Amino acid sequence: MPNPSPSSSDQIAQATATLTQLKDHLRTNPPVTDMLPLLARLLDEDSGVPILLGDVLRNAARLVSQQAASPQTDEIRLIIDGLRDAAQEATDWHVLHWDIQRVGGQAFEPAGPPTTS
């Protein structure tokens, strides 16, 4: 397996900025047909955000566990457990992939004006 170069803080900031742009775009009430391809990519069952986030959190838990001073403190064990629990929850969201596919078969009214929430 190749050894990938580490992501920089700026690259992570760009990724979160892109998600912020998507969030803001969806608040403008685009047609559902325009939204579906974006969400399909975001929630892909194999490579979407839930799967990636779950993998990131599991790897973070592994690193904390491996590199914590021995013996591990209760606080470290709680952190590791929290990361692992969050990883499982994030990965479980991959089922949203099927919801997005089902939305594609539904009829929708034209988009109205943006909401103010």
N, C-alpha and C. Protein backbone atom coordinates (compact mmCIF):
# COMPACT_ATOMS: atom_id res chain seq x y z
N MET A 1 0.85 -1.17 0.00
CA MET A 1 0.00 0.00 0.00
C MET A 1 0.90 1.24 0.00
N PRO A 2 0.64 2.17 -0.94
CA PRO A 2 1.49 3.37 -0.98
C PRO A 2 1.31 4.22 0.28
N ASN A 3 2.36 4.94 0.61
CA ASN A 3 2.32 5.81 1.78
C ASN A 3 1.91 7.20 1.31
N PRO A 4 0.62 7.57 1.52
CA PRO A 4 0.15 8.88 1.04
C PRO A 4 0.77 10.02 1.83
N SER A 5 0.88 11.16 1.15
CA SER A 5 1.40 12.34 1.85
C SER A 5 0.32 12.84 2.81
N PRO A 6 0.74 13.39 3.93
CA PRO A 6 -0.25 13.86 4.91
C PRO A 6 -1.03 15.06 4.38
N SER A 7 -2.29 15.12 4.74
CA SER A 7 -3.10 16.28 4.39
C SER A 7 -2.67 17.45 5.25
N SER A 8 -2.72 18.63 4.66
CA SER A 8 -2.37 19.82 5.43
C SER A 8 -3.62 20.40 6.07
N SER A 9 -3.41 21.22 7.05
CA SER A 9 -4.51 21.91 7.70
C SER A 9 -5.30 22.74 6.68
N ASP A 10 -4.58 23.33 5.71
CA ASP A 10 -5.25 24.12 4.67
C ASP A 10 -6.13 23.25 3.78
N GLN A 11 -5.70 22.04 3.48
CA GLN A 11 -6.52 21.14 2.67
C GLN A 11 -7.79 20.73 3.40
N ILE A 12 -7.66 20.48 4.68
CA ILE A 12 -8.85 20.13 5.47
C ILE A 12 -9.78 21.33 5.54
N ALA A 13 -9.23 22.51 5.71
CA ALA A 13 -10.05 23.74 5.72
C ALA A 13 -10.78 23.91 4.40
N GLN A 14 -10.12 23.60 3.29
CA GLN A 14 -10.77 23.70 1.97
C GLN A 14 -11.92 22.71 1.86
N ALA A 15 -11.72 21.50 2.36
CA ALA A 15 -12.78 20.49 2.31
C ALA A 15 -14.00 20.95 3.12
N THR A 16 -13.75 21.49 4.31
CA THR A 16 -14.88 21.96 5.11
C THR A 16 -15.50 23.20 4.50
N ALA A 17 -14.70 24.03 3.84
CA ALA A 17 -15.26 25.21 3.15
C ALA A 17 -16.17 24.77 2.00
N THR A 18 -15.79 23.71 1.32
CA THR A 18 -16.62 23.18 0.24
C THR A 18 -17.96 22.68 0.79
N LEU A 19 -17.92 22.01 1.92
CA LEU A 19 -19.17 21.56 2.54
C LEU A 19 -20.02 22.77 2.98
N THR A 20 -19.39 23.80 3.45
CA THR A 20 -20.11 25.02 3.82
C THR A 20 -20.77 25.64 2.59
N GLN A 21 -20.07 25.64 1.46
CA GLN A 21 -20.66 26.16 0.22
C GLN A 21 -21.88 25.34 -0.18
N LEU A 22 -21.79 24.03 -0.06
CA LEU A 22 -22.93 23.18 -0.37
C LEU A 22 -24.10 23.49 0.55
N LYS A 23 -23.83 23.62 1.83
CA LYS A 23 -24.88 23.95 2.81
C LYS A 23 -25.55 25.26 2.43
N ASP A 24 -24.75 26.27 2.12
CA ASP A 24 -25.30 27.58 1.76
C ASP A 24 -26.08 27.50 0.45
N HIS A 25 -25.58 26.74 -0.51
CA HIS A 25 -26.29 26.57 -1.79
C HIS A 25 -27.66 25.94 -1.58
N LEU A 26 -27.72 24.92 -0.74
CA LEU A 26 -29.00 24.24 -0.50
C LEU A 26 -30.00 25.16 0.18
N ARG A 27 -29.53 26.15 0.91
CA ARG A 27 -30.43 27.13 1.54
C ARG A 27 -31.07 28.08 0.52
N THR A 28 -30.55 28.10 -0.72
CA THR A 28 -31.12 28.96 -1.76
C THR A 28 -32.30 28.29 -2.47
N ASN A 29 -32.66 27.10 -2.03
CA ASN A 29 -33.77 26.34 -2.60
C ASN A 29 -33.58 25.98 -4.07
N PRO A 30 -32.46 25.36 -4.43
CA PRO A 30 -32.30 24.91 -5.81
C PRO A 30 -33.30 23.78 -6.09
N PRO A 31 -33.57 23.48 -7.34
CA PRO A 31 -34.43 22.34 -7.66
C PRO A 31 -33.83 21.04 -7.10
N VAL A 32 -34.69 20.16 -6.65
CA VAL A 32 -34.23 18.87 -6.11
C VAL A 32 -33.39 18.13 -7.14
N THR A 33 -33.75 18.26 -8.41
CA THR A 33 -32.98 17.57 -9.46
C THR A 33 -31.54 18.08 -9.53
N ASP A 34 -31.31 19.34 -9.15
CA ASP A 34 -29.94 19.86 -9.10
C ASP A 34 -29.21 19.39 -7.85
N MET A 35 -29.95 19.17 -6.78
CA MET A 35 -29.37 18.77 -5.50
C MET A 35 -28.97 17.30 -5.51
N LEU A 36 -29.74 16.46 -6.18
CA LEU A 36 -29.52 15.01 -6.10
C LEU A 36 -28.11 14.56 -6.49
N PRO A 37 -27.54 15.04 -7.60
CA PRO A 37 -26.19 14.57 -7.92
C PRO A 37 -25.15 14.98 -6.88
N LEU A 38 -25.36 16.13 -6.26
CA LEU A 38 -24.43 16.59 -5.22
C LEU A 38 -24.51 15.68 -4.00
N LEU A 39 -25.73 15.39 -3.57
CA LEU A 39 -25.89 14.52 -2.40
C LEU A 39 -25.51 13.08 -2.70
N ALA A 40 -25.75 12.64 -3.93
CA ALA A 40 -25.35 11.28 -4.29
C ALA A 40 -23.85 11.10 -4.14
N ARG A 41 -23.08 12.08 -4.56
CA ARG A 41 -21.63 12.01 -4.42
C ARG A 41 -21.22 12.11 -2.96
N LEU A 42 -21.85 13.02 -2.24
CA LEU A 42 -21.54 13.26 -0.83
C LEU A 42 -21.83 12.02 0.02
N LEU A 43 -22.90 11.31 -0.31
CA LEU A 43 -23.35 10.19 0.50
C LEU A 43 -23.09 8.83 -0.14
N ASP A 44 -22.20 8.78 -1.13
CA ASP A 44 -21.91 7.53 -1.80
C ASP A 44 -21.63 6.42 -0.78
N GLU A 45 -22.19 5.26 -1.04
CA GLU A 45 -22.09 4.18 -0.07
C GLU A 45 -20.68 3.62 0.10
N ASP A 46 -19.81 3.87 -0.87
CA ASP A 46 -18.45 3.35 -0.79
C ASP A 46 -17.41 4.42 -0.48
N SER A 47 -17.63 5.64 -0.97
CA SER A 47 -16.58 6.65 -0.84
C SER A 47 -17.12 8.00 -0.38
N GLY A 48 -18.33 8.03 0.15
CA GLY A 48 -18.92 9.28 0.61
C GLY A 48 -18.42 9.71 1.98
N VAL A 49 -18.88 10.86 2.39
CA VAL A 49 -18.44 11.45 3.65
C VAL A 49 -18.67 10.52 4.85
N PRO A 50 -19.82 9.84 4.98
CA PRO A 50 -19.98 8.97 6.16
C PRO A 50 -18.89 7.89 6.26
N ILE A 51 -18.57 7.28 5.14
CA ILE A 51 -17.55 6.22 5.16
C ILE A 51 -16.18 6.82 5.46
N LEU A 52 -15.86 7.93 4.79
CA LEU A 52 -14.56 8.56 5.01
C LEU A 52 -14.41 9.07 6.45
N LEU A 53 -15.46 9.73 6.95
CA LEU A 53 -15.39 10.24 8.32
C LEU A 53 -15.25 9.09 9.31
N GLY A 54 -15.98 8.01 9.11
CA GLY A 54 -15.83 6.85 9.98
C GLY A 54 -14.41 6.31 9.98
N ASP A 55 -13.82 6.22 8.78
CA ASP A 55 -12.44 5.73 8.68
C ASP A 55 -11.46 6.68 9.37
N VAL A 56 -11.66 7.97 9.18
CA VAL A 56 -10.78 8.97 9.82
C VAL A 56 -10.86 8.84 11.33
N LEU A 57 -12.06 8.73 11.87
CA LEU A 57 -12.23 8.65 13.32
C LEU A 57 -11.66 7.35 13.89
N ARG A 58 -11.86 6.24 13.16
CA ARG A 58 -11.28 4.96 13.61
C ARG A 58 -9.75 5.03 13.62
N ASN A 59 -9.18 5.63 12.58
CA ASN A 59 -7.73 5.76 12.54
C ASN A 59 -7.21 6.69 13.63
N ALA A 60 -7.96 7.74 13.91
CA ALA A 60 -7.56 8.64 15.01
C ALA A 60 -7.58 7.89 16.34
N ALA A 61 -8.61 7.08 16.55
CA ALA A 61 -8.69 6.28 17.79
C ALA A 61 -7.50 5.32 17.88
N ARG A 62 -7.16 4.70 16.77
CA ARG A 62 -6.03 3.78 16.75
C ARG A 62 -4.73 4.49 17.10
N LEU A 63 -4.53 5.67 16.52
CA LEU A 63 -3.30 6.42 16.80
C LEU A 63 -3.22 6.85 18.26
N VAL A 64 -4.33 7.34 18.79
CA VAL A 64 -4.34 7.75 20.20
C VAL A 64 -4.03 6.54 21.08
N SER A 65 -4.64 5.41 20.76
CA SER A 65 -4.43 4.20 21.54
C SER A 65 -2.97 3.73 21.48
N GLN A 66 -2.38 3.77 20.30
CA GLN A 66 -1.01 3.29 20.13
C GLN A 66 0.02 4.23 20.75
N GLN A 67 -0.27 5.53 20.73
CA GLN A 67 0.74 6.49 21.13
C GLN A 67 0.53 7.08 22.52
N ALA A 68 -0.54 6.68 23.19
CA ALA A 68 -0.77 7.16 24.55
C ALA A 68 0.25 6.50 25.49
N ALA A 69 0.59 7.24 26.50
CA ALA A 69 1.51 6.69 27.51
C ALA A 69 0.86 5.47 28.16
N SER A 70 1.70 4.51 28.52
CA SER A 70 1.19 3.33 29.21
C SER A 70 1.44 3.47 30.69
N PRO A 71 0.56 3.06 31.52
CA PRO A 71 -0.77 2.57 31.19
C PRO A 71 -1.69 3.74 30.81
N GLN A 72 -2.69 3.42 29.97
CA GLN A 72 -3.62 4.46 29.53
C GLN A 72 -4.48 4.92 30.70
N THR A 73 -4.71 6.22 30.73
CA THR A 73 -5.58 6.78 31.77
C THR A 73 -7.03 6.55 31.40
N ASP A 74 -7.90 6.72 32.38
CA ASP A 74 -9.34 6.62 32.11
C ASP A 74 -9.76 7.64 31.07
N GLU A 75 -9.18 8.84 31.14
CA GLU A 75 -9.54 9.89 30.18
C GLU A 75 -9.18 9.48 28.75
N ILE A 76 -8.01 8.91 28.58
CA ILE A 76 -7.59 8.45 27.24
C ILE A 76 -8.53 7.36 26.75
N ARG A 77 -8.88 6.43 27.61
CA ARG A 77 -9.80 5.36 27.21
C ARG A 77 -11.16 5.92 26.82
N LEU A 78 -11.65 6.94 27.52
CA LEU A 78 -12.92 7.58 27.16
C LEU A 78 -12.83 8.27 25.80
N ILE A 79 -11.71 8.91 25.55
CA ILE A 79 -11.50 9.57 24.25
C ILE A 79 -11.49 8.54 23.13
N ILE A 80 -10.77 7.47 23.32
CA ILE A 80 -10.71 6.41 22.30
C ILE A 80 -12.09 5.82 22.06
N ASP A 81 -12.81 5.53 23.14
CA ASP A 81 -14.17 4.99 23.00
C ASP A 81 -15.08 5.98 22.29
N GLY A 82 -14.94 7.27 22.60
CA GLY A 82 -15.76 8.29 21.95
C GLY A 82 -15.48 8.37 20.46
N LEU A 83 -14.21 8.30 20.09
CA LEU A 83 -13.85 8.31 18.67
C LEU A 83 -14.40 7.08 17.95
N ARG A 84 -14.28 5.93 18.58
CA ARG A 84 -14.79 4.70 17.96
C ARG A 84 -16.31 4.71 17.83
N ASP A 85 -17.00 5.20 18.87
CA ASP A 85 -18.46 5.29 18.81
C ASP A 85 -18.90 6.25 17.70
N ALA A 86 -18.24 7.40 17.63
CA ALA A 86 -18.57 8.39 16.59
C ALA A 86 -18.28 7.81 15.21
N ALA A 87 -17.21 7.05 15.08
CA ALA A 87 -16.88 6.43 13.79
C ALA A 87 -17.99 5.48 13.35
N GLN A 88 -18.49 4.70 14.28
CA GLN A 88 -19.57 3.76 13.93
C GLN A 88 -20.84 4.52 13.54
N GLU A 89 -21.17 5.56 14.29
CA GLU A 89 -22.35 6.36 13.96
C GLU A 89 -22.22 6.99 12.59
N ALA A 90 -21.07 7.57 12.29
CA ALA A 90 -20.86 8.21 10.99
C ALA A 90 -20.98 7.19 9.86
N THR A 91 -20.36 6.04 10.04
CA THR A 91 -20.43 5.00 9.02
C THR A 91 -21.86 4.52 8.82
N ASP A 92 -22.64 4.46 9.88
CA ASP A 92 -24.04 4.03 9.77
C ASP A 92 -24.85 4.96 8.87
N TRP A 93 -24.40 6.21 8.73
CA TRP A 93 -25.13 7.16 7.88
C TRP A 93 -25.04 6.81 6.41
N HIS A 94 -24.20 5.85 6.04
CA HIS A 94 -24.08 5.49 4.62
C HIS A 94 -25.41 5.03 4.05
N VAL A 95 -26.34 4.62 4.89
CA VAL A 95 -27.65 4.18 4.39
C VAL A 95 -28.43 5.33 3.76
N LEU A 96 -28.03 6.57 4.03
CA LEU A 96 -28.68 7.71 3.38
C LEU A 96 -28.51 7.64 1.87
N HIS A 97 -27.51 6.94 1.40
CA HIS A 97 -27.29 6.73 -0.03
C HIS A 97 -28.57 6.19 -0.68
N TRP A 98 -29.23 5.26 -0.02
CA TRP A 98 -30.45 4.67 -0.58
C TRP A 98 -31.59 5.68 -0.58
N ASP A 99 -31.67 6.52 0.42
CA ASP A 99 -32.72 7.55 0.45
C ASP A 99 -32.57 8.50 -0.72
N ILE A 100 -31.35 8.89 -1.02
CA ILE A 100 -31.11 9.81 -2.14
C ILE A 100 -31.51 9.15 -3.45
N GLN A 101 -31.23 7.88 -3.61
CA GLN A 101 -31.66 7.18 -4.81
C GLN A 101 -33.18 7.15 -4.93
N ARG A 102 -33.87 6.93 -3.81
CA ARG A 102 -35.33 6.88 -3.84
C ARG A 102 -35.94 8.24 -4.13
N VAL A 103 -35.30 9.31 -3.67
CA VAL A 103 -35.80 10.67 -3.93
C VAL A 103 -35.87 10.92 -5.43
N GLY A 104 -34.91 10.38 -6.18
CA GLY A 104 -34.86 10.59 -7.62
C GLY A 104 -36.11 10.13 -8.36
N GLY A 105 -36.84 9.20 -7.78
CA GLY A 105 -38.04 8.69 -8.42
C GLY A 105 -39.32 9.42 -8.03
N GLN A 106 -39.21 10.48 -7.27
CA GLN A 106 -40.38 11.21 -6.80
C GLN A 106 -40.61 12.47 -7.62
N ALA A 107 -41.85 12.97 -7.57
CA ALA A 107 -42.19 14.22 -8.26
C ALA A 107 -42.07 15.38 -7.28
N PHE A 108 -41.65 16.54 -7.78
CA PHE A 108 -41.46 17.72 -6.93
C PHE A 108 -42.02 18.95 -7.61
N GLU A 109 -42.46 19.89 -6.80
CA GLU A 109 -42.92 21.20 -7.27
C GLU A 109 -41.70 22.06 -7.56
N PRO A 110 -41.84 23.08 -8.40
CA PRO A 110 -40.71 24.00 -8.61
C PRO A 110 -40.29 24.62 -7.29
N ALA A 111 -39.01 24.93 -7.21
CA ALA A 111 -38.46 25.51 -5.98
C ALA A 111 -39.04 26.90 -5.74
N GLY A 112 -39.28 27.20 -4.47
CA GLY A 112 -39.77 28.51 -4.07
C GLY A 112 -38.61 29.40 -3.66
N PRO A 113 -38.94 30.56 -3.10
CA PRO A 113 -37.86 31.45 -2.64
C PRO A 113 -37.12 30.83 -1.47
N PRO A 114 -35.87 31.27 -1.28
CA PRO A 114 -35.08 30.74 -0.16
C PRO A 114 -35.75 31.02 1.18
N THR A 115 -35.54 30.11 2.11
CA THR A 115 -36.03 30.30 3.47
C THR A 115 -35.03 31.14 4.24
N THR A 116 -35.45 31.66 5.38
CA THR A 116 -34.56 32.54 6.16
C THR A 116 -34.02 31.88 7.41
N SER A 117 -34.00 30.54 7.46
CA SER A 117 -33.47 29.89 8.67
C SER A 117 -32.03 29.53 8.54
